C-alpha atoms as a PDB file:
ATOM      1  CA  MET A   1      30.914 -11.193 -97.506  1.00  0.00           C
ATOM      2  CA  LEU A   2      28.412  -8.970 -95.730  1.00  0.00           C
ATOM      3  CA  GLU A   3      26.655  -7.920 -98.940  1.00  0.00           C
ATOM      4  CA  ASN A   4      25.220 -11.466 -98.968  1.00  0.00           C
ATOM      5  CA  TYR A   5      23.990 -11.391 -95.361  1.00  0.00           C
ATOM      6  CA  SER A   6      20.293 -11.195 -94.563  1.00  0.00           C
ATOM      7  CA  MET A   7      18.966  -8.210 -92.662  1.00  0.00           C
ATOM      8  CA  GLN A   8      18.563 -10.440 -89.593  1.00  0.00           C
ATOM      9  CA  GLU A   9      22.207 -11.534 -89.784  1.00  0.00           C
ATOM     10  CA  LEU A  10      23.321  -7.917 -90.138  1.00  0.00           C
ATOM     11  CA  LYS A  11      21.224  -6.804 -87.167  1.00  0.00           C
ATOM     12  CA  GLU A  12      23.194  -9.218 -84.992  1.00  0.00           C
ATOM     13  CA  LEU A  13      26.445  -7.411 -85.830  1.00  0.00           C
ATOM     14  CA  GLY A  14      25.581  -4.266 -83.874  1.00  0.00           C
ATOM     15  CA  GLY A  15      28.413  -3.315 -81.540  1.00  0.00           C
ATOM     16  CA  HIS A  16      30.955  -5.558 -83.231  1.00  0.00           C
ATOM     17  CA  GLU A  17      34.390  -4.085 -83.673  1.00  0.00           C
ATOM     18  CA  VAL A  18      35.402  -3.051 -87.184  1.00  0.00           C
ATOM     19  CA  VAL A  19      39.050  -3.481 -88.199  1.00  0.00           C
ATOM     20  CA  ASP A  20      40.763  -2.118 -91.288  1.00  0.00           C
ATOM     21  CA  ALA A  21      42.888  -3.870 -93.931  1.00  0.00           C
ATOM     22  CA  ASN A  22      45.868  -3.656 -91.547  1.00  0.00           C
ATOM     23  CA  GLY A  23      43.996  -5.064 -88.537  1.00  0.00           C
ATOM     24  CA  GLU A  24      43.672  -1.657 -86.846  1.00  0.00           C
ATOM     25  CA  SER A  25      40.431  -0.835 -85.041  1.00  0.00           C
ATOM     26  CA  VAL A  26      38.300   1.814 -86.757  1.00  0.00           C
ATOM     27  CA  GLY A  27      35.144   1.672 -84.634  1.00  0.00           C
ATOM     28  CA  TYR A  28      31.976  -0.323 -84.076  1.00  0.00           C
ATOM     29  CA  VAL A  29      28.927  -1.195 -86.168  1.00  0.00           C
ATOM     30  CA  GLU A  30      26.041   1.124 -85.288  1.00  0.00           C
ATOM     31  CA  LEU A  31      23.559   1.062 -88.192  1.00  0.00           C
ATOM     32  CA  VAL A  32      22.706  -0.686 -91.417  1.00  0.00           C
ATOM     33  CA  PHE A  33      21.390   1.378 -94.332  1.00  0.00           C
ATOM     34  CA  VAL A  34      18.776  -0.329 -96.506  1.00  0.00           C
ATOM     35  CA  ASP A  35      17.621   0.543-100.026  1.00  0.00           C
ATOM     36  CA  ASP A  36      14.002   1.759 -99.772  1.00  0.00           C
ATOM     37  CA  SER A  37      13.065   0.250-103.143  1.00  0.00           C
ATOM     38  CA  THR A  38      14.484  -3.235-102.730  1.00  0.00           C
ATOM     39  CA  GLY A  39      14.960  -3.662 -98.976  1.00  0.00           C
ATOM     40  CA  ARG A  40      18.539  -4.691 -99.713  1.00  0.00           C
ATOM     41  CA  PRO A  41      21.185  -3.618 -97.175  1.00  0.00           C
ATOM     42  CA  GLU A  42      24.061  -1.774 -98.858  1.00  0.00           C
ATOM     43  CA  TRP A  43      25.875   0.369 -96.260  1.00  0.00           C
ATOM     44  CA  MET A  44      26.776   0.167 -92.604  1.00  0.00           C
ATOM     45  CA  GLY A  45      27.307   3.007 -90.203  1.00  0.00           C
ATOM     46  CA  ILE A  46      30.425   2.871 -88.069  1.00  0.00           C
ATOM     47  CA  TRP A  47      30.852   4.888 -84.923  1.00  0.00           C
ATOM     48  CA  SER A  48      34.483   5.557 -84.112  1.00  0.00           C
ATOM     49  CA  GLY A  49      35.191   6.088 -80.437  1.00  0.00           C
ATOM     50  CA  LEU A  50      32.673   6.331 -77.638  1.00  0.00           C
ATOM     51  CA  PRO A  51      29.020   6.717 -78.603  1.00  0.00           C
ATOM     52  CA  GLY A  52      28.271  10.396 -79.027  1.00  0.00           C
ATOM     53  CA  LYS A  53      31.938  11.363 -79.076  1.00  0.00           C
ATOM     54  CA  GLY A  54      33.545  10.080 -82.293  1.00  0.00           C
ATOM     55  CA  PRO A  55      32.897  10.475 -85.999  1.00  0.00           C
ATOM     56  CA  ARG A  56      30.203   8.373 -87.663  1.00  0.00           C
ATOM     57  CA  VAL A  57      31.058   7.200 -91.185  1.00  0.00           C
ATOM     58  CA  ILE A  58      29.332   5.126 -93.834  1.00  0.00           C
ATOM     59  CA  VAL A  59      31.043   2.042 -95.245  1.00  0.00           C
ATOM     60  CA  PRO A  60      29.793  -0.176 -98.078  1.00  0.00           C
ATOM     61  CA  LEU A  61      28.998  -3.789 -97.234  1.00  0.00           C
ATOM     62  CA  GLN A  62      30.827  -4.893-100.397  1.00  0.00           C
ATOM     63  CA  GLY A  63      34.014  -6.795 -99.654  1.00  0.00           C
ATOM     64  CA  VAL A  64      33.456  -6.691 -95.888  1.00  0.00           C
ATOM     65  CA  GLU A  65      33.865  -9.932 -93.915  1.00  0.00           C
ATOM     66  CA  HIS A  66      32.729 -11.180 -90.509  1.00  0.00           C
ATOM     67  CA  VAL A  67      35.577 -13.298 -89.165  1.00  0.00           C
ATOM     68  CA  GLU A  68      36.135 -14.476 -85.592  1.00  0.00           C
ATOM     69  CA  GLY A  69      33.799 -11.872 -84.136  1.00  0.00           C
ATOM     70  CA  GLU A  70      35.351  -8.968 -86.035  1.00  0.00           C
ATOM     71  CA  ILE A  71      34.108  -7.034 -89.018  1.00  0.00           C
ATOM     72  CA  ARG A  72      37.017  -6.745 -91.453  1.00  0.00           C
ATOM     73  CA  VAL A  73      36.950  -4.067 -94.136  1.00  0.00           C
ATOM     74  CA  PRO A  74      39.274  -3.993 -97.172  1.00  0.00           C
ATOM     75  CA  TRP A  75      40.212  -0.327 -96.698  1.00  0.00           C
ATOM     76  CA  THR A  76      42.703   1.390 -94.389  1.00  0.00           C
ATOM     77  CA  LYS A  77      41.725   3.474 -91.394  1.00  0.00           C
ATOM     78  CA  ASP A  78      42.719   6.658 -93.250  1.00  0.00           C
ATOM     79  CA  VAL A  79      40.312   5.855 -96.085  1.00  0.00           C
ATOM     80  CA  ILE A  80      37.482   5.031 -93.685  1.00  0.00           C
ATOM     81  CA  MET A  81      37.970   8.070 -91.456  1.00  0.00           C
ATOM     82  CA  SER A  82      37.968  10.380 -94.498  1.00  0.00           C
ATOM     83  CA  ALA A  83      34.742   8.850 -95.854  1.00  0.00           C
ATOM     84  CA  PRO A  84      31.407  10.683 -95.949  1.00  0.00           C
ATOM     85  CA  ARG A  85      29.877  10.935 -92.494  1.00  0.00           C
ATOM     86  CA  TYR A  86      26.375  10.778 -91.223  1.00  0.00           C
ATOM     87  CA  ASP A  87      25.786  13.303 -88.509  1.00  0.00           C
ATOM     88  CA  ASP A  88      23.157  15.513 -86.891  1.00  0.00           C
ATOM     89  CA  ALA A  89      22.011  16.824 -90.268  1.00  0.00           C
ATOM     90  CA  ASP A  90      21.224  13.248 -91.330  1.00  0.00           C
ATOM     91  CA  ASP A  91      19.440  12.335 -88.083  1.00  0.00           C
ATOM     92  CA  ARG A  92      16.152  13.751 -89.271  1.00  0.00           C
ATOM     93  CA  GLY A  93      14.090  11.275 -87.296  1.00  0.00           C
ATOM     94  CA  LEU A  94      15.832  12.139 -84.059  1.00  0.00           C
ATOM     95  CA  LEU A  95      15.962  15.898 -84.455  1.00  0.00           C
ATOM     96  CA  ARG A  96      12.915  16.804 -86.552  1.00  0.00           C
ATOM     97  CA  ASP A  97      10.448  14.081 -85.663  1.00  0.00           C
ATOM     98  CA  ASP A  98      10.586  12.812 -89.247  1.00  0.00           C
ATOM     99  CA  PRO A  99       9.336   9.220 -89.479  1.00  0.00           C
ATOM    100  CA  ASP A 100      11.878   8.534 -92.229  1.00  0.00           C
ATOM    101  CA  GLY A 101      14.707   8.808 -89.688  1.00  0.00           C
ATOM    102  CA  ILE A 102      18.386   8.694 -90.573  1.00  0.00           C
ATOM    103  CA  ALA A 103      19.123   8.634 -94.293  1.00  0.00           C
ATOM    104  CA  ILE A 104      22.008   9.000 -96.727  1.00  0.00           C
ATOM    105  CA  SER A 105      21.447  11.979 -99.009  1.00  0.00           C
ATOM    106  CA  PRO A 106      21.911  11.473-102.770  1.00  0.00           C
ATOM    107  CA  GLU A 107      25.006  13.696-102.586  1.00  0.00           C
ATOM    108  CA  LYS A 108      26.574  11.613 -99.805  1.00  0.00           C
ATOM    109  CA  GLU A 109      25.626   8.430-101.623  1.00  0.00           C
ATOM    110  CA  ARG A 110      27.472   9.555-104.785  1.00  0.00           C
ATOM    111  CA  ALA A 111      30.451  10.799-102.774  1.00  0.00           C
ATOM    112  CA  ALA A 112      30.669   7.522-100.840  1.00  0.00           C
ATOM    113  CA  TYR A 113      30.615   5.331-103.958  1.00  0.00           C
ATOM    114  CA  GLN A 114      33.350   7.489-105.456  1.00  0.00           C
ATOM    115  CA  HIS A 115      35.368   7.559-102.220  1.00  0.00           C
ATOM    116  CA  TYR A 116      35.441   3.769-101.861  1.00  0.00           C
ATOM    117  CA  GLY A 117      35.648   3.046-105.592  1.00  0.00           C
ATOM    118  CA  VAL A 118      32.668   0.673-105.580  1.00  0.00           C
ATOM    119  CA  GLU A 119      29.589   0.403-107.759  1.00  0.00           C
ATOM    120  CA  PRO A 120      26.043   0.318-106.331  1.00  0.00           C
ATOM    121  CA  LEU A 121      24.638  -3.132-105.592  1.00  0.00           C
ATOM    122  CA  THR A 122      21.356  -1.837-107.007  1.00  0.00           C
ATOM    123  CA  GLU A 123      20.832   1.020-109.439  1.00  0.00           C
ATOM    124  CA  ARG A 124      19.101   4.175-108.258  1.00  0.00           C
ATOM    125  CA  PRO A 125      15.557   4.228-109.665  1.00  0.00           C
ATOM    126  CA  ASP A 126      14.880   7.219-111.929  1.00  0.00           C
ATOM    127  CA  SER A 127      11.760   7.969-109.903  1.00  0.00           C
ATOM    128  CA  VAL A 128      13.761   8.529-106.683  1.00  0.00           C
ATOM    129  CA  SER A 129      15.062  12.063-106.219  1.00  0.00           C
ATOM    130  CA  GLY A 130      15.672  12.094-102.457  1.00  0.00           C
ATOM    131  CA  PRO A 131      17.479   9.700-100.143  1.00  0.00           C
ATOM    132  CA  ARG A 132      17.038   6.031-100.991  1.00  0.00           C
ATOM    133  CA  PHE A 133      19.054   4.506 -98.142  1.00  0.00           C
ATOM    134  CA  ARG A 134      17.472   4.653 -94.704  1.00  0.00           C
ATOM    135  CA  ALA A 135      18.981   3.432 -91.476  1.00  0.00           C
ATOM    136  CA  VAL A 136      17.711   0.398 -89.679  1.00  0.00           C
ATOM    137  CA  LEU A 137      18.520   0.625 -86.010  1.00  0.00           C
ATOM    138  CA  ILE A 138      20.195  -2.491 -84.758  1.00  0.00           C
ATOM    139  CA  GLU A 139      20.754  -3.750 -81.261  1.00  0.00           C
ATOM    140  CA  ILE A 140      24.084  -2.535 -79.990  1.00  0.00           C
ATOM    141  CA  ARG A 141      25.794  -5.040 -77.763  1.00  0.00           C
ATOM    142  CA  THR A 142      29.062  -4.821 -75.952  1.00  0.00           C
ATOM    143  CA  ILE A 143      31.399  -7.312 -77.557  1.00  0.00           C
ATOM    144  CA  GLN A 144      34.611  -8.185 -75.777  1.00  0.00           C
ATOM    145  CA  ARG A 145      37.647  -7.638 -77.911  1.00  0.00           C
ATOM    146  CA  ARG A 146      40.084 -10.488 -78.106  1.00  0.00           C
ATOM    147  CA  GLY A 147      43.361  -9.454 -76.614  1.00  0.00           C
END
């Protein structure tokens, strides 16, 4: 399961295809979101469609597998595509020259846990009022899909 992968192992998954519980393609791994307090990866960002053209959603690492070059999630495409998104408003580092970069707001974090029905891998520290998950850019590679 990906929640047990090291950050280095997760970085190597950039560009890998993500398939849903039914084997249907839902997009490609773009980012990994890491807990600021612990350094533990907890979410991945999936880009559906061509870069810059499709929705970008967050998906928990819990229950996700890397099998035969694919990233397999235990949810259906409908669930994933209706999940909280990260978009231009979250790309603070790209748009506002903020060194903190892309982050998941506390509101999106709560909504995402509720949406997927999972519990946090680590509890939110009481001292943290803003975003606690920040994106780590990973190398995006073109991976050939088996066909």
